[in-house]
Amino acid sequence: MAFRGREMMKKLAKKVGGESNLAPGVKERFWKPNVQDKRLFSYILDRHIKVKVTTHALRCIDKAGGIDEYMLKTPFHKMDTEMGLSWKTKIEKLYAELGQMEVVFISPEDESKFEQGFKDLKLAERVAP
């Protein structure tokens, strides 16, 4: 089974079974991996990522809390494809930049002043024409 270069998992082999000398009419069976084309949303990149993933990888992504957290938790030596490594480095770079941003706490009083200012501005726009 040929996979394109944009998948996240390594090339998975077919599983073989069903060989038996006791039943001569039974031939080998093959089980292919359950690969799905998915579009996963990255909150750090703020866009969708199209990937080919197995259903097991989808369960792992859900358990981790999303594609961003899954990529951050997975070590580099477990990433088998170039696409996975490139997305991991992009996400780590943006995650580090987000960590350096300043966060300002707005008190509830200031927030109510901002809301009142926006309401006054909307009323002024309605009255102007």
Protein backbone atom coordinates (compact mmCIF):
# COMPACT_ATOMS: atom_id res chain seq x y z
CA MET A 1 0.00 0.00 0.00
CA ALA A 2 1.57 3.27 -1.09
CA PHE A 3 1.17 6.29 1.16
CA ARG A 4 1.81 9.87 0.15
CA GLY A 5 4.45 11.92 1.94
CA ARG A 6 1.97 14.02 3.94
CA GLU A 7 0.85 11.46 6.50
CA MET A 8 1.69 11.54 10.19
CA MET A 9 2.20 7.85 10.76
CA LYS A 10 4.95 5.63 9.46
CA LYS A 11 4.25 3.23 6.63
CA LEU A 12 2.25 0.49 8.27
CA ALA A 13 2.54 -3.08 7.08
CA LYS A 14 -0.37 -5.38 6.48
CA LYS A 15 -0.97 -7.92 9.20
CA VAL A 16 -1.01 -11.52 8.04
CA GLY A 17 -2.84 -14.43 9.58
CA GLY A 18 -5.12 -17.36 8.94
CA GLU A 19 -2.46 -19.85 7.87
CA SER A 20 -3.19 -23.36 9.02
CA ASN A 21 -2.08 -26.80 7.89
CA LEU A 22 -5.20 -28.35 9.43
CA ALA A 23 -7.54 -26.50 7.08
CA PRO A 24 -6.10 -26.74 3.56
CA GLY A 25 -8.88 -24.66 1.97
CA VAL A 26 -8.13 -21.62 4.14
CA LYS A 27 -5.74 -19.10 2.68
CA GLU A 28 -3.95 -16.17 4.18
CA ARG A 29 -5.90 -13.16 5.35
CA PHE A 30 -4.60 -9.62 5.28
CA TRP A 31 -5.62 -6.78 7.58
CA LYS A 32 -4.87 -3.29 6.40
CA PRO A 33 -4.44 -0.42 8.88
CA ASN A 34 -7.53 1.75 9.35
CA VAL A 35 -6.22 4.95 7.78
CA GLN A 36 -8.45 8.02 7.55
CA ASP A 37 -8.06 11.37 5.77
CA LYS A 38 -8.79 13.99 8.44
CA ARG A 39 -8.71 17.74 8.79
CA LEU A 40 -7.62 18.63 12.32
CA PHE A 41 -7.73 22.17 13.74
CA SER A 42 -4.62 23.59 15.38
CA TYR A 43 -5.33 26.37 17.88
CA ILE A 44 -1.70 27.49 17.96
CA LEU A 45 -1.42 27.71 14.16
CA ASP A 46 -5.05 28.92 13.91
CA ARG A 47 -5.74 26.78 10.84
CA HIS A 48 -6.77 23.30 9.75
CA ILE A 49 -4.17 20.62 8.98
CA LYS A 50 -4.96 17.88 6.46
CA VAL A 51 -3.40 14.58 7.49
CA LYS A 52 -3.73 10.86 7.01
CA VAL A 53 -3.98 9.21 10.42
CA THR A 54 -4.95 5.86 11.82
CA THR A 55 -7.91 5.57 14.16
CA HIS A 56 -5.49 4.71 16.97
CA ALA A 57 -3.65 8.01 16.37
CA LEU A 58 -7.00 9.85 16.42
CA ARG A 59 -7.78 8.36 19.83
CA CYS A 60 -4.33 9.41 21.07
CA ILE A 61 -4.88 12.95 19.75
CA ASP A 62 -8.25 13.15 21.52
CA LYS A 63 -6.72 11.85 24.74
CA ALA A 64 -3.90 14.41 24.57
CA GLY A 65 -6.38 17.26 24.13
CA GLY A 66 -5.91 18.13 20.47
CA ILE A 67 -3.33 18.04 17.70
CA ASP A 68 -1.21 20.79 19.31
CA GLU A 69 -0.84 19.01 22.63
CA TYR A 70 -0.27 15.67 20.90
CA MET A 71 2.57 17.16 18.83
CA LEU A 72 4.12 18.85 21.86
CA LYS A 73 4.02 15.65 23.95
CA THR A 74 5.35 13.31 21.24
CA PRO A 75 9.18 13.08 21.25
CA PHE A 76 11.14 13.69 18.05
CA HIS A 77 12.39 10.09 17.78
CA LYS A 78 8.78 8.84 17.56
CA MET A 79 7.95 11.15 14.66
CA ASP A 80 8.48 8.99 11.58
CA THR A 81 7.68 11.37 8.74
CA GLU A 82 9.08 14.69 7.60
CA MET A 83 5.61 16.22 7.63
CA GLY A 84 5.14 15.34 11.30
CA LEU A 85 8.55 16.76 12.20
CA SER A 86 7.89 20.00 10.32
CA TRP A 87 4.49 20.52 12.01
CA LYS A 88 6.03 19.73 15.40
CA THR A 89 8.79 22.33 14.96
CA LYS A 90 6.30 24.97 13.77
CA ILE A 91 4.00 24.34 16.72
CA GLU A 92 6.88 24.37 19.23
CA LYS A 93 8.19 27.65 17.79
CA LEU A 94 4.79 29.37 17.98
CA TYR A 95 4.14 27.89 21.44
CA ALA A 96 7.39 29.42 22.69
CA GLU A 97 6.43 32.80 21.19
CA LEU A 98 3.02 32.64 22.87
CA GLY A 99 4.72 31.93 26.19
CA GLN A 100 6.76 35.13 25.94
CA MET A 101 3.74 37.37 25.29
CA GLU A 102 2.56 39.68 28.05
CA VAL A 103 -0.80 38.98 29.60
CA VAL A 104 -2.70 41.86 31.16
CA PHE A 105 -5.41 41.35 33.75
CA ILE A 106 -8.40 43.66 33.35
CA SER A 107 -10.43 44.27 36.47
CA PRO A 108 -14.23 43.89 36.28
CA GLU A 109 -14.66 47.65 36.80
CA ASP A 110 -12.41 48.47 33.83
CA GLU A 111 -14.17 45.86 31.73
CA SER A 112 -17.57 47.42 32.45
CA LYS A 113 -16.14 50.84 31.48
CA PHE A 114 -14.95 49.40 28.14
CA GLU A 115 -18.35 47.84 27.49
CA GLN A 116 -20.13 51.10 28.28
CA GLY A 117 -17.76 52.96 25.94
CA PHE A 118 -18.55 50.51 23.11
CA LYS A 119 -22.29 50.86 23.72
CA ASP A 120 -21.99 54.67 23.63
CA LEU A 121 -20.01 54.43 20.39
CA LYS A 122 -22.68 52.22 18.77
CA LEU A 123 -25.41 54.61 19.84
CA ALA A 124 -23.47 57.56 18.40
CA GLU A 125 -23.08 55.72 15.08
CA ARG A 126 -26.81 55.03 14.90
CA VAL A 127 -27.72 58.66 15.62
CA ALA A 128 -25.13 60.19 13.21
CA PRO A 129 -26.77 59.34 9.81
